[in-house]
Structures are given as structure tokens and as C-alpha cells.
Amino acid sequence: MVGFNRLGGDSIYIPRESAMRQQMRMLDTAENIFDELDRIFKKKLEEGAFLGLVNLEGLFLRHCSLSSITTFTFRSLKKLRSLWLDENNLITLPDKGFQYLSQLETL
């Protein structure tokens, strides 16, 4: 079982079809500086960014230079309990951006 994953030093790649995606419970990208994050997120989180991470309970996206998210960015994260978006460049959030996160306790 994958309990906690932290991206560090080098980037990590988990294929969308990997069983590891379904087992992952925590993902921490906080304060990581690497070019892959810019390439993947392009400073915005779009629909499907976390597709397949159905058991994710904690998502740490601190200091990622994010400037926007869409209404459906977190739609597949139905078990998410903690979401950390601090220290980003988010000016506004979509009105219904968190409507699918019924388990969310910490934002």
C-alpha cells in the first residue's frame, strides 16, 4: 500500500493506468521546484489533473506558482479531506470549484 508520497529532488511519474494511482492516499508537492511541474500544470490546474487518484485524502500544493484552477479540477477526488493551496498566485477560485469534495475538512 502506498501511504504517503512526496515529490522531491527529481520528478516522479506515475502512469495513469498504474494501480499505484488508486492506492495513493497523500500527495505532497509543497516547496518542490522542478521544471516538470510547470510543464504539467502550466501554472494552472485543469480538469483531469488528478484523474485516477480516487483514494487521495491529502493534497499539498503549496508554493507551486499556481495561478488558476477550474471548476472540475478536483472532481475525481471524492475522498479528499485536506487540500493545501497556500502560497500560490490564486486570485480567485471558481464558484463551484469544491462542490465535489464532500469529505473536505481542511482548506
PDB file of N, CA and C in Angstrom:
ATOM      1  N   MET A   1       0.840  -1.182   0.000  1.00  0.00           N
ATOM      2  CA  MET A   1       0.000   0.000   0.000  1.00  0.00           C
ATOM      3  C   MET A   1       0.880   1.238   0.000  1.00  0.00           C
ATOM      4  N   VAL A   2       0.502   2.218  -0.783  1.00  0.00           N
ATOM      5  CA  VAL A   2       1.220   3.483  -0.811  1.00  0.00           C
ATOM      6  C   VAL A   2       0.506   4.409   0.146  1.00  0.00           C
ATOM      7  N   GLY A   3       1.168   4.786   1.231  1.00  0.00           N
ATOM      8  CA  GLY A   3       0.530   5.625   2.230  1.00  0.00           C
ATOM      9  C   GLY A   3       0.812   7.094   2.051  1.00  0.00           C
ATOM     10  N   PHE A   4       2.051   7.444   1.761  1.00  0.00           N
ATOM     11  CA  PHE A   4       2.414   8.854   1.660  1.00  0.00           C
ATOM     12  C   PHE A   4       3.486   8.996   0.597  1.00  0.00           C
ATOM     13  N   ASN A   5       3.279   9.854  -0.337  1.00  0.00           N
ATOM     14  CA  ASN A   5       4.235  10.083  -1.417  1.00  0.00           C
ATOM     15  C   ASN A   5       4.610  11.544  -1.444  1.00  0.00           C
ATOM     16  N   ARG A   6       5.887  11.826  -1.518  1.00  0.00           N
ATOM     17  CA  ARG A   6       6.356  13.199  -1.600  1.00  0.00           C
ATOM     18  C   ARG A   6       7.267  13.298  -2.804  1.00  0.00           C
ATOM     19  N   LEU A   7       6.993  14.289  -3.627  1.00  0.00           N
ATOM     20  CA  LEU A   7       7.855  14.528  -4.771  1.00  0.00           C
ATOM     21  C   LEU A   7       9.068  15.292  -4.273  1.00  0.00           C
ATOM     22  N   GLY A   8      10.226  14.865  -4.630  1.00  0.00           N
ATOM     23  CA  GLY A   8      11.420  15.555  -4.192  1.00  0.00           C
ATOM     24  C   GLY A   8      12.463  15.570  -5.261  1.00  0.00           C
ATOM     25  N   GLY A   9      13.498  16.343  -5.061  1.00  0.00           N
ATOM     26  CA  GLY A   9      14.635  16.406  -5.960  1.00  0.00           C
ATOM     27  C   GLY A   9      14.319  16.201  -7.417  1.00  0.00           C
ATOM     28  N   ASP A  10      14.146  14.987  -7.810  1.00  0.00           N
ATOM     29  CA  ASP A  10      13.785  14.648  -9.180  1.00  0.00           C
ATOM     30  C   ASP A  10      12.278  14.472  -9.264  1.00  0.00           C
ATOM     31  N   SER A  11      11.758  14.625 -10.451  1.00  0.00           N
ATOM     32  CA  SER A  11      10.319  14.466 -10.616  1.00  0.00           C
ATOM     33  C   SER A  11       9.945  12.988 -10.535  1.00  0.00           C
ATOM     34  N   ILE A  12       8.685  12.744 -10.302  1.00  0.00           N
ATOM     35  CA  ILE A  12       8.176  11.384 -10.247  1.00  0.00           C
ATOM     36  C   ILE A  12       7.046  11.277 -11.267  1.00  0.00           C
ATOM     37  N   TYR A  13       6.946  10.155 -11.901  1.00  0.00           N
ATOM     38  CA  TYR A  13       5.898   9.947 -12.900  1.00  0.00           C
ATOM     39  C   TYR A  13       5.162   8.665 -12.574  1.00  0.00           C
ATOM     40  N   ILE A  14       3.865   8.775 -12.437  1.00  0.00           N
ATOM     41  CA  ILE A  14       3.032   7.604 -12.190  1.00  0.00           C
ATOM     42  C   ILE A  14       2.041   7.521 -13.341  1.00  0.00           C
ATOM     43  N   PRO A  15       2.175   6.517 -14.207  1.00  0.00           N
ATOM     44  CA  PRO A  15       1.272   6.401 -15.356  1.00  0.00           C
ATOM     45  C   PRO A  15      -0.190   6.351 -14.918  1.00  0.00           C
ATOM     46  N   ARG A  16      -1.068   6.944 -15.711  1.00  0.00           N
ATOM     47  CA  ARG A  16      -2.497   6.981 -15.370  1.00  0.00           C
ATOM     48  C   ARG A  16      -3.092   5.598 -15.166  1.00  0.00           C
ATOM     49  N   GLU A  17      -2.578   4.598 -15.873  1.00  0.00           N
ATOM     50  CA  GLU A  17      -3.145   3.248 -15.754  1.00  0.00           C
ATOM     51  C   GLU A  17      -2.550   2.460 -14.586  1.00  0.00           C
ATOM     52  N   SER A  18      -1.612   3.020 -13.871  1.00  0.00           N
ATOM     53  CA  SER A  18      -0.940   2.332 -12.775  1.00  0.00           C
ATOM     54  C   SER A  18      -1.876   2.126 -11.583  1.00  0.00           C
ATOM     55  N   ALA A  19      -1.799   0.946 -10.977  1.00  0.00           N
ATOM     56  CA  ALA A  19      -2.578   0.656  -9.774  1.00  0.00           C
ATOM     57  C   ALA A  19      -2.137   1.547  -8.620  1.00  0.00           C
ATOM     58  N   MET A  20      -0.898   2.020  -8.668  1.00  0.00           N
ATOM     59  CA  MET A  20      -0.387   2.885  -7.607  1.00  0.00           C
ATOM     60  C   MET A  20      -1.232   4.159  -7.485  1.00  0.00           C
ATOM     61  N   ARG A  21      -1.749   4.665  -8.578  1.00  0.00           N
ATOM     62  CA  ARG A  21      -2.592   5.862  -8.543  1.00  0.00           C
ATOM     63  C   ARG A  21      -3.824   5.629  -7.668  1.00  0.00           C
ATOM     64  N   GLN A  22      -4.398   4.438  -7.749  1.00  0.00           N
ATOM     65  CA  GLN A  22      -5.596   4.151  -6.972  1.00  0.00           C
ATOM     66  C   GLN A  22      -5.283   3.932  -5.503  1.00  0.00           C
ATOM     67  N   GLN A  23      -4.065   3.547  -5.180  1.00  0.00           N
ATOM     68  CA  GLN A  23      -3.675   3.282  -3.803  1.00  0.00           C
ATOM     69  C   GLN A  23      -3.170   4.529  -3.084  1.00  0.00           C
ATOM     70  N   MET A  24      -2.714   5.513  -3.819  1.00  0.00           N
ATOM     71  CA  MET A  24      -2.102   6.697  -3.215  1.00  0.00           C
ATOM     72  C   MET A  24      -3.101   7.448  -2.342  1.00  0.00           C
ATOM     73  N   ARG A  25      -2.686   7.763  -1.119  1.00  0.00           N
ATOM     74  CA  ARG A  25      -3.553   8.464  -0.182  1.00  0.00           C
ATOM     75  C   ARG A  25      -3.123   9.898   0.049  1.00  0.00           C
ATOM     76  N   MET A  26      -1.830  10.197  -0.073  1.00  0.00           N
ATOM     77  CA  MET A  26      -1.322  11.553   0.133  1.00  0.00           C
ATOM     78  C   MET A  26      -0.369  11.913  -0.993  1.00  0.00           C
ATOM     79  N   LEU A  27      -0.436  13.160  -1.445  1.00  0.00           N
ATOM     80  CA  LEU A  27       0.482  13.653  -2.460  1.00  0.00           C
ATOM     81  C   LEU A  27       0.949  15.029  -2.027  1.00  0.00           C
ATOM     82  N   ASP A  28       2.243  15.180  -1.845  1.00  0.00           N
ATOM     83  CA  ASP A  28       2.820  16.431  -1.359  1.00  0.00           C
ATOM     84  C   ASP A  28       3.802  16.976  -2.382  1.00  0.00           C
ATOM     85  N   THR A  29       3.450  18.085  -3.006  1.00  0.00           N
ATOM     86  CA  THR A  29       4.353  18.748  -3.952  1.00  0.00           C
ATOM     87  C   THR A  29       4.857  20.059  -3.367  1.00  0.00           C
ATOM     88  N   ALA A  30       4.567  20.305  -2.105  1.00  0.00           N
ATOM     89  CA  ALA A  30       4.909  21.574  -1.467  1.00  0.00           C
ATOM     90  C   ALA A  30       6.391  21.900  -1.574  1.00  0.00           C
ATOM     91  N   GLU A  31       6.652  23.139  -1.950  1.00  0.00           N
ATOM     92  CA  GLU A  31       8.003  23.690  -1.997  1.00  0.00           C
ATOM     93  C   GLU A  31       8.949  22.930  -2.905  1.00  0.00           C
ATOM     94  N   ASN A  32       8.430  22.147  -3.806  1.00  0.00           N
ATOM     95  CA  ASN A  32       9.276  21.462  -4.776  1.00  0.00           C
ATOM     96  C   ASN A  32       9.467  22.364  -5.980  1.00  0.00           C
ATOM     97  N   ILE A  33      10.687  22.466  -6.419  1.00  0.00           N
ATOM     98  CA  ILE A  33      10.999  23.288  -7.577  1.00  0.00           C
ATOM     99  C   ILE A  33      11.589  22.377  -8.629  1.00  0.00           C
ATOM    100  N   PHE A  34      10.822  22.107  -9.651  1.00  0.00           N
ATOM    101  CA  PHE A  34      11.332  21.320 -10.762  1.00  0.00           C
ATOM    102  C   PHE A  34      10.526  21.659 -12.004  1.00  0.00           C
ATOM    103  N   ASP A  35      11.152  21.577 -13.135  1.00  0.00           N
ATOM    104  CA  ASP A  35      10.555  22.001 -14.394  1.00  0.00           C
ATOM    105  C   ASP A  35       9.338  21.183 -14.791  1.00  0.00           C
ATOM    106  N   GLU A  36       9.275  19.927 -14.397  1.00  0.00           N
ATOM    107  CA  GLU A  36       8.153  19.077 -14.788  1.00  0.00           C
ATOM    108  C   GLU A  36       6.827  19.640 -14.287  1.00  0.00           C
ATOM    109  N   LEU A  37       6.813  20.214 -13.078  1.00  0.00           N
ATOM    110  CA  LEU A  37       5.569  20.736 -12.531  1.00  0.00           C
ATOM    111  C   LEU A  37       5.033  21.854 -13.409  1.00  0.00           C
ATOM    112  N   ASP A  38       5.909  22.742 -13.853  1.00  0.00           N
ATOM    113  CA  ASP A  38       5.492  23.810 -14.766  1.00  0.00           C
ATOM    114  C   ASP A  38       4.951  23.238 -16.062  1.00  0.00           C
ATOM    115  N   ARG A  39       5.606  22.215 -16.584  1.00  0.00           N
ATOM    116  CA  ARG A  39       5.176  21.619 -17.843  1.00  0.00           C
ATOM    117  C   ARG A  39       3.816  20.937 -17.685  1.00  0.00           C
ATOM    118  N   ILE A  40       3.615  20.254 -16.581  1.00  0.00           N
ATOM    119  CA  ILE A  40       2.368  19.520 -16.360  1.00  0.00           C
ATOM    120  C   ILE A  40       1.220  20.473 -16.016  1.00  0.00           C
ATOM    121  N   PHE A  41       1.429  21.343 -15.047  1.00  0.00           N
ATOM    122  CA  PHE A  41       0.356  22.205 -14.567  1.00  0.00           C
ATOM    123  C   PHE A  41       0.245  23.516 -15.344  1.00  0.00           C
ATOM    124  N   LYS A  42       1.335  23.969 -15.942  1.00  0.00           N
ATOM    125  CA  LYS A  42       1.359  25.247 -16.664  1.00  0.00           C
ATOM    126  C   LYS A  42       0.798  26.362 -15.792  1.00  0.00           C
ATOM    127  N   LYS A  43       1.088  26.301 -14.517  1.00  0.00           N
ATOM    128  CA  LYS A  43       0.647  27.255 -13.515  1.00  0.00           C
ATOM    129  C   LYS A  43      -0.865  27.313 -13.351  1.00  0.00           C
ATOM    130  N   LYS A  44      -1.553  26.345 -13.908  1.00  0.00           N
ATOM    131  CA  LYS A  44      -2.988  26.232 -13.688  1.00  0.00           C
ATOM    132  C   LYS A  44      -3.345  24.756 -13.615  1.00  0.00           C
ATOM    133  N   LEU A  45      -4.323  24.464 -12.812  1.00  0.00           N
ATOM    134  CA  LEU A  45      -4.791  23.087 -12.676  1.00  0.00           C
ATOM    135  C   LEU A  45      -6.078  22.946 -13.461  1.00  0.00           C
ATOM    136  N   GLU A  46      -6.085  22.041 -14.397  1.00  0.00           N
ATOM    137  CA  GLU A  46      -7.247  21.856 -15.252  1.00  0.00           C
ATOM    138  C   GLU A  46      -7.994  20.579 -14.885  1.00  0.00           C
ATOM    139  N   GLU A  47      -9.152  20.414 -15.485  1.00  0.00           N
ATOM    140  CA  GLU A  47      -9.951  19.209 -15.284  1.00  0.00           C
ATOM    141  C   GLU A  47      -9.126  17.976 -15.622  1.00  0.00           C
ATOM    142  N   GLY A  48      -9.179  16.979 -14.770  1.00  0.00           N
ATOM    143  CA  GLY A  48      -8.464  15.735 -15.020  1.00  0.00           C
ATOM    144  C   GLY A  48      -7.038  15.716 -14.507  1.00  0.00           C
ATOM    145  N   ALA A  49      -6.585  16.789 -13.883  1.00  0.00           N
ATOM    146  CA  ALA A  49      -5.207  16.845 -13.394  1.00  0.00           C
ATOM    147  C   ALA A  49      -4.913  15.718 -12.401  1.00  0.00           C
ATOM    148  N   PHE A  50      -5.915  15.285 -11.663  1.00  0.00           N
ATOM    149  CA  PHE A  50      -5.713  14.249 -10.650  1.00  0.00           C
ATOM    150  C   PHE A  50      -6.554  13.007 -10.931  1.00  0.00           C
ATOM    151  N   LEU A  51      -6.883  12.793 -12.168  1.00  0.00           N
ATOM    152  CA  LEU A  51      -7.688  11.655 -12.587  1.00  0.00           C
ATOM    153  C   LEU A  51      -7.034  10.338 -12.165  1.00  0.00           C
ATOM    154  N   GLY A  52      -7.798   9.462 -11.576  1.00  0.00           N
ATOM    155  CA  GLY A  52      -7.294   8.155 -11.164  1.00  0.00           C
ATOM    156  C   GLY A  52      -6.812   8.099  -9.727  1.00  0.00           C
ATOM    157  N   LEU A  53      -6.711   9.238  -9.062  1.00  0.00           N
ATOM    158  CA  LEU A  53      -6.267   9.254  -7.666  1.00  0.00           C
ATOM    159  C   LEU A  53      -7.498   9.184  -6.757  1.00  0.00           C
ATOM    160  N   VAL A  54      -8.275   8.138  -6.919  1.00  0.00           N
ATOM    161  CA  VAL A  54      -9.586   8.027  -6.282  1.00  0.00           C
ATOM    162  C   VAL A  54      -9.548   7.891  -4.761  1.00  0.00           C
ATOM    163  N   ASN A  55      -8.441   7.463  -4.195  1.00  0.00           N
ATOM    164  CA  ASN A  55      -8.343   7.305  -2.747  1.00  0.00           C
ATOM    165  C   ASN A  55      -7.515   8.391  -2.079  1.00  0.00           C
ATOM    166  N   LEU A  56      -7.176   9.428  -2.817  1.00  0.00           N
ATOM    167  CA  LEU A  56      -6.353  10.504  -2.270  1.00  0.00           C
ATOM    168  C   LEU A  56      -7.112  11.240  -1.168  1.00  0.00           C
ATOM    169  N   GLU A  57      -6.486  11.358   0.000  1.00  0.00           N
ATOM    170  CA  GLU A  57      -7.096  12.034   1.142  1.00  0.00           C
ATOM    171  C   GLU A  57      -6.425  13.366   1.442  1.00  0.00           C
ATOM    172  N   GLY A  58      -5.179  13.518   1.029  1.00  0.00           N
ATOM    173  CA  GLY A  58      -4.463  14.762   1.291  1.00  0.00           C
ATOM    174  C   GLY A  58      -3.693  15.213   0.066  1.00  0.00           C
ATOM    175  N   LEU A  59      -3.833  16.488  -0.276  1.00  0.00           N
ATOM    176  CA  LEU A  59      -3.142  17.041  -1.436  1.00  0.00           C
ATOM    177  C   LEU A  59      -2.508  18.365  -1.036  1.00  0.00           C
ATOM    178  N   PHE A  60      -1.181  18.403  -1.090  1.00  0.00           N
ATOM    179  CA  PHE A  60      -0.425  19.574  -0.679  1.00  0.00           C
ATOM    180  C   PHE A  60       0.181  20.229  -1.913  1.00  0.00           C
ATOM    181  N   LEU A  61      -0.337  21.393  -2.277  1.00  0.00           N
ATOM    182  CA  LEU A  61       0.121  22.110  -3.466  1.00  0.00           C
ATOM    183  C   LEU A  61       0.650  23.497  -3.089  1.00  0.00           C
ATOM    184  N   ARG A  62       1.327  23.587  -1.962  1.00  0.00           N
ATOM    185  CA  ARG A  62       1.907  24.859  -1.511  1.00  0.00           C
ATOM    186  C   ARG A  62       3.066  25.269  -2.406  1.00  0.00           C
ATOM    187  N   HIS A  63       3.224  26.578  -2.587  1.00  0.00           N
ATOM    188  CA  HIS A  63       4.390  27.136  -3.301  1.00  0.00           C
ATOM    189  C   HIS A  63       4.576  26.526  -4.684  1.00  0.00           C
ATOM    190  N   CYS A  64       3.519  26.355  -5.432  1.00  0.00           N
ATOM    191  CA  CYS A  64       3.621  25.755  -6.769  1.00  0.00           C
ATOM    192  C   CYS A  64       3.401  26.775  -7.886  1.00  0.00           C
ATOM    193  N   SER A  65       3.305  28.040  -7.530  1.00  0.00           N
ATOM    194  CA  SER A  65       3.090  29.123  -8.507  1.00  0.00           C
ATOM    195  C   SER A  65       1.804  28.952  -9.299  1.00  0.00           C
ATOM    196  N   LEU A  66       0.822  28.316  -8.713  1.00  0.00           N
ATOM    197  CA  LEU A  66      -0.450  28.118  -9.414  1.00  0.00           C
ATOM    198  C   LEU A  66      -1.198  29.441  -9.523  1.00  0.00           C
ATOM    199  N   SER A  67      -1.755  29.707 -10.694  1.00  0.00           N
ATOM    200  CA  SER A  67      -2.500  30.950 -10.896  1.00  0.00           C
ATOM    201  C   SER A  67      -3.997  30.713 -11.082  1.00  0.00           C
ATOM    202  N   SER A  68      -4.398  29.494 -11.442  1.00  0.00           N
ATOM    203  CA  SER A  68      -5.831  29.232 -11.601  1.00  0.00           C
ATOM    204  C   SER A  68      -6.143  27.742 -11.508  1.00  0.00           C
ATOM    205  N   ILE A  69      -7.390  27.482 -11.153  1.00  0.00           N
ATOM    206  CA  ILE A  69      -7.933  26.128 -11.169  1.00  0.00           C
ATOM    207  C   ILE A  69      -9.311  26.214 -11.826  1.00  0.00           C
ATOM    208  N   THR A  70      -9.814  25.100 -12.331  1.00  0.00           N
ATOM    209  CA  THR A  70     -11.139  25.107 -12.954  1.00  0.00           C
ATOM    210  C   THR A  70     -12.169  24.524 -11.989  1.00  0.00           C
ATOM    211  N   THR A  71     -13.408  24.636 -12.352  1.00  0.00           N
ATOM    212  CA  THR A  71     -14.494  24.092 -11.535  1.00  0.00           C
ATOM    213  C   THR A  71     -14.348  22.588 -11.335  1.00  0.00           C
ATOM    214  N   PHE A  72     -13.782  21.899 -12.319  1.00  0.00           N
ATOM    215  CA  PHE A  72     -13.714  20.435 -12.265  1.00  0.00           C
ATOM    216  C   PHE A  72     -12.329  19.884 -11.934  1.00  0.00           C
ATOM    217  N   THR A  73     -11.406  20.712 -11.507  1.00  0.00           N
ATOM    218  CA  THR A  73     -10.044  20.263 -11.211  1.00  0.00           C
ATOM    219  C   THR A  73     -10.020  19.114 -10.208  1.00  0.00           C
ATOM    220  N   PHE A  74     -10.788  19.219  -9.152  1.00  0.00           N
ATOM    221  CA  PHE A  74     -10.738  18.246  -8.063  1.00  0.00           C
ATOM    222  C   PHE A  74     -11.910  17.259  -8.095  1.00  0.00           C
ATOM    223  N   ARG A  75     -12.649  17.208  -9.183  1.00  0.00           N
ATOM    224  CA  ARG A  75     -13.877  16.413  -9.267  1.00  0.00           C
ATOM    225  C   ARG A  75     -13.677  14.936  -8.932  1.00  0.00           C
ATOM    226  N   SER A  76     -12.577  14.341  -9.324  1.00  0.00           N
ATOM    227  CA  SER A  76     -12.368  12.904  -9.095  1.00  0.00           C
ATOM    228  C   SER A  76     -11.850  12.589  -7.692  1.00  0.00           C
ATOM    229  N   LEU A  77     -11.608  13.602  -6.878  1.00  0.00           N
ATOM    230  CA  LEU A  77     -11.022  13.399  -5.551  1.00  0.00           C
ATOM    231  C   LEU A  77     -12.101  13.361  -4.469  1.00  0.00           C
ATOM    232  N   LYS A  78     -13.000  12.436  -4.574  1.00  0.00           N
ATOM    233  CA  LYS A  78     -14.158  12.354  -3.678  1.00  0.00           C
ATOM    234  C   LYS A  78     -13.800  12.049  -2.218  1.00  0.00           C
ATOM    235  N   LYS A  79     -12.617  11.479  -1.972  1.00  0.00           N
ATOM    236  CA  LYS A  79     -12.208  11.143  -0.605  1.00  0.00           C
ATOM    237  C   LYS A  79     -11.259  12.179  -0.003  1.00  0.00           C
ATOM    238  N   LEU A  80     -10.995  13.251  -0.732  1.00  0.00           N
ATOM    239  CA  LEU A  80     -10.044  14.260  -0.270  1.00  0.00           C
ATOM    240  C   LEU A  80     -10.533  14.920   1.014  1.00  0.00           C
ATOM    241  N   ARG A  81      -9.667  14.933   2.030  1.00  0.00           N
ATOM    242  CA  ARG A  81     -10.001  15.525   3.322  1.00  0.00           C
ATOM    243  C   ARG A  81      -9.210  16.795   3.584  1.00  0.00           C
ATOM    244  N   SER A  82      -7.996  16.883   3.030  1.00  0.00           N
ATOM    245  CA  SER A  82      -7.144  18.057   3.235  1.00  0.00           C
ATOM    246  C   SER A  82      -6.597  18.541   1.905  1.00  0.00           C
ATOM    247  N   LEU A  83      -6.751  19.843   1.659  1.00  0.00           N
ATOM    248  CA  LEU A  83      -6.244  20.458   0.442  1.00  0.00           C
ATOM    249  C   LEU A  83      -5.519  21.736   0.830  1.00  0.00           C
ATOM    250  N   TRP A  84      -4.235  21.794   0.503  1.00  0.00           N
ATOM    251  CA  TRP A  84      -3.405  22.942   0.852  1.00  0.00           C
ATOM    252  C   TRP A  84      -2.984  23.663  -0.418  1.00  0.00           C
ATOM    253  N   LEU A  85      -3.467  24.899  -0.575  1.00  0.00           N
ATOM    254  CA  LEU A  85      -3.173  25.702  -1.759  1.00  0.00           C
ATOM    255  C   LEU A  85      -2.460  27.009  -1.405  1.00  0.00           C
ATOM    256  N   ASP A  86      -2.007  27.146  -0.174  1.00  0.00           N
ATOM    257  CA  ASP A  86      -1.409  28.410   0.255  1.00  0.00           C
ATOM    258  C   ASP A  86      -0.096  28.723  -0.468  1.00  0.00           C
ATOM    259  N   GLU A  87       0.257  29.993  -0.457  1.00  0.00           N
ATOM    260  CA  GLU A  87       1.487  30.491  -1.083  1.00  0.00           C
ATOM    261  C   GLU A  87       1.526  30.237  -2.587  1.00  0.00           C
ATOM    262  N   ASN A  88       0.391  30.381  -3.249  1.00  0.00           N
ATOM    263  CA  ASN A  88       0.298  30.306  -4.702  1.00  0.00           C
ATOM    264  C   ASN A  88      -0.140  31.671  -5.215  1.00  0.00           C
ATOM    265  N   ASN A  89      -0.407  31.773  -6.483  1.00  0.00           N
ATOM    266  CA  ASN A  89      -0.822  33.041  -7.088  1.00  0.00           C
ATOM    267  C   ASN A  89      -2.299  33.024  -7.465  1.00  0.00           C
ATOM    268  N   LEU A  90      -3.092  32.319  -6.685  1.00  0.00           N
ATOM    269  CA  LEU A  90      -4.529  32.228  -6.957  1.00  0.00           C
ATOM    270  C   LEU A  90      -5.209  33.512  -6.493  1.00  0.00           C
ATOM    271  N   ILE A  91      -5.844  34.208  -7.414  1.00  0.00           N
ATOM    272  CA  ILE A  91      -6.538  35.448  -7.081  1.00  0.00           C
ATOM    273  C   ILE A  91      -8.009  35.167  -6.820  1.00  0.00           C
ATOM    274  N   THR A  92      -8.607  34.346  -7.653  1.00  0.00           N
ATOM    275  CA  THR A  92      -9.996  33.941  -7.460  1.00  0.00           C
ATOM    276  C   THR A  92     -10.101  32.426  -7.604  1.00  0.00           C
ATOM    277  N   LEU A  93     -11.149  31.893  -7.030  1.00  0.00           N
ATOM    278  CA  LEU A  93     -11.434  30.461  -7.137  1.00  0.00           C
ATOM    279  C   LEU A  93     -12.796  30.306  -7.803  1.00  0.00           C
ATOM    280  N   PRO A  94     -12.985  29.260  -8.587  1.00  0.00           N
ATOM    281  CA  PRO A  94     -14.286  29.073  -9.231  1.00  0.00           C
ATOM    282  C   PRO A  94     -15.388  28.889  -8.191  1.00  0.00           C
ATOM    283  N   ASP A  95     -16.572  29.442  -8.478  1.00  0.00           N
ATOM    284  CA  ASP A  95     -17.697  29.384  -7.538  1.00  0.00           C
ATOM    285  C   ASP A  95     -17.979  27.977  -7.033  1.00  0.00           C
ATOM    286  N   LYS A  96     -17.933  27.009  -7.915  1.00  0.00           N
ATOM    287  CA  LYS A  96     -18.263  25.634  -7.536  1.00  0.00           C
ATOM    288  C   LYS A  96     -17.037  24.730  -7.608  1.00  0.00           C
ATOM    289  N   GLY A  97     -15.882  25.288  -7.385  1.00  0.00           N
ATOM    290  CA  GLY A  97     -14.633  24.550  -7.509  1.00  0.00           C
ATOM    291  C   GLY A  97     -14.437  23.432  -6.505  1.00  0.00           C
ATOM    292  N   PHE A  98     -15.191  23.477  -5.404  1.00  0.00           N
ATOM    293  CA  PHE A  98     -15.011  22.477  -4.361  1.00  0.00           C
ATOM    294  C   PHE A  98     -16.293  21.682  -4.107  1.00  0.00           C
ATOM    295  N   GLN A  99     -17.258  21.784  -5.000  1.00  0.00           N
ATOM    296  CA  GLN A  99     -18.560  21.148  -4.795  1.00  0.00           C
ATOM    297  C   GLN A  99     -18.507  19.626  -4.735  1.00  0.00           C
ATOM    298  N   TYR A 100     -17.490  19.029  -5.326  1.00  0.00           N
ATOM    299  CA  TYR A 100     -17.383  17.564  -5.344  1.00  0.00           C
ATOM    300  C   TYR A 100     -16.624  17.021  -4.137  1.00  0.00           C
ATOM    301  N   LEU A 101     -16.126  17.902  -3.303  1.00  0.00           N
ATOM    302  CA  LEU A 101     -15.286  17.485  -2.177  1.00  0.00           C
ATOM    303  C   LEU A 101     -16.105  17.428  -0.886  1.00  0.00           C
ATOM    304  N   SER A 102     -17.024  16.510  -0.811  1.00  0.00           N
ATOM    305  CA  SER A 102     -17.917  16.414   0.344  1.00  0.00           C
ATOM    306  C   SER A 102     -17.194  15.986   1.624  1.00  0.00           C
ATOM    307  N   GLN A 103     -16.018  15.371   1.508  1.00  0.00           N
ATOM    308  CA  GLN A 103     -15.255  14.920   2.674  1.00  0.00           C
ATOM    309  C   GLN A 103     -14.235  15.960   3.149  1.00  0.00           C
ATOM    310  N   LEU A 104     -14.120  17.080   2.435  1.00  0.00           N
ATOM    311  CA  LEU A 104     -13.089  18.079   2.723  1.00  0.00           C
ATOM    312  C   LEU A 104     -13.261  18.676   4.115  1.00  0.00           C
ATOM    313  N   GLU A 105     -12.190  18.621   4.915  1.00  0.00           N
ATOM    314  CA  GLU A 105     -12.183  19.165   6.265  1.00  0.00           C
ATOM    315  C   GLU A 105     -11.244  20.355   6.381  1.00  0.00           C
ATOM    316  N   THR A 106     -10.157  20.341   5.605  1.00  0.00           N
ATOM    317  CA  THR A 106      -9.137  21.382   5.698  1.00  0.00           C
ATOM    318  C   THR A 106      -8.858  21.969   4.332  1.00  0.00           C
ATOM    319  N   LEU A 107      -8.984  23.296   4.236  1.00  0.00           N
ATOM    320  CA  LEU A 107      -8.668  24.001   3.006  1.00  0.00           C
ATOM    321  C   LEU A 107      -7.772  25.172   3.357  1.00  0.00           C
TER     322      LEU A 107
END
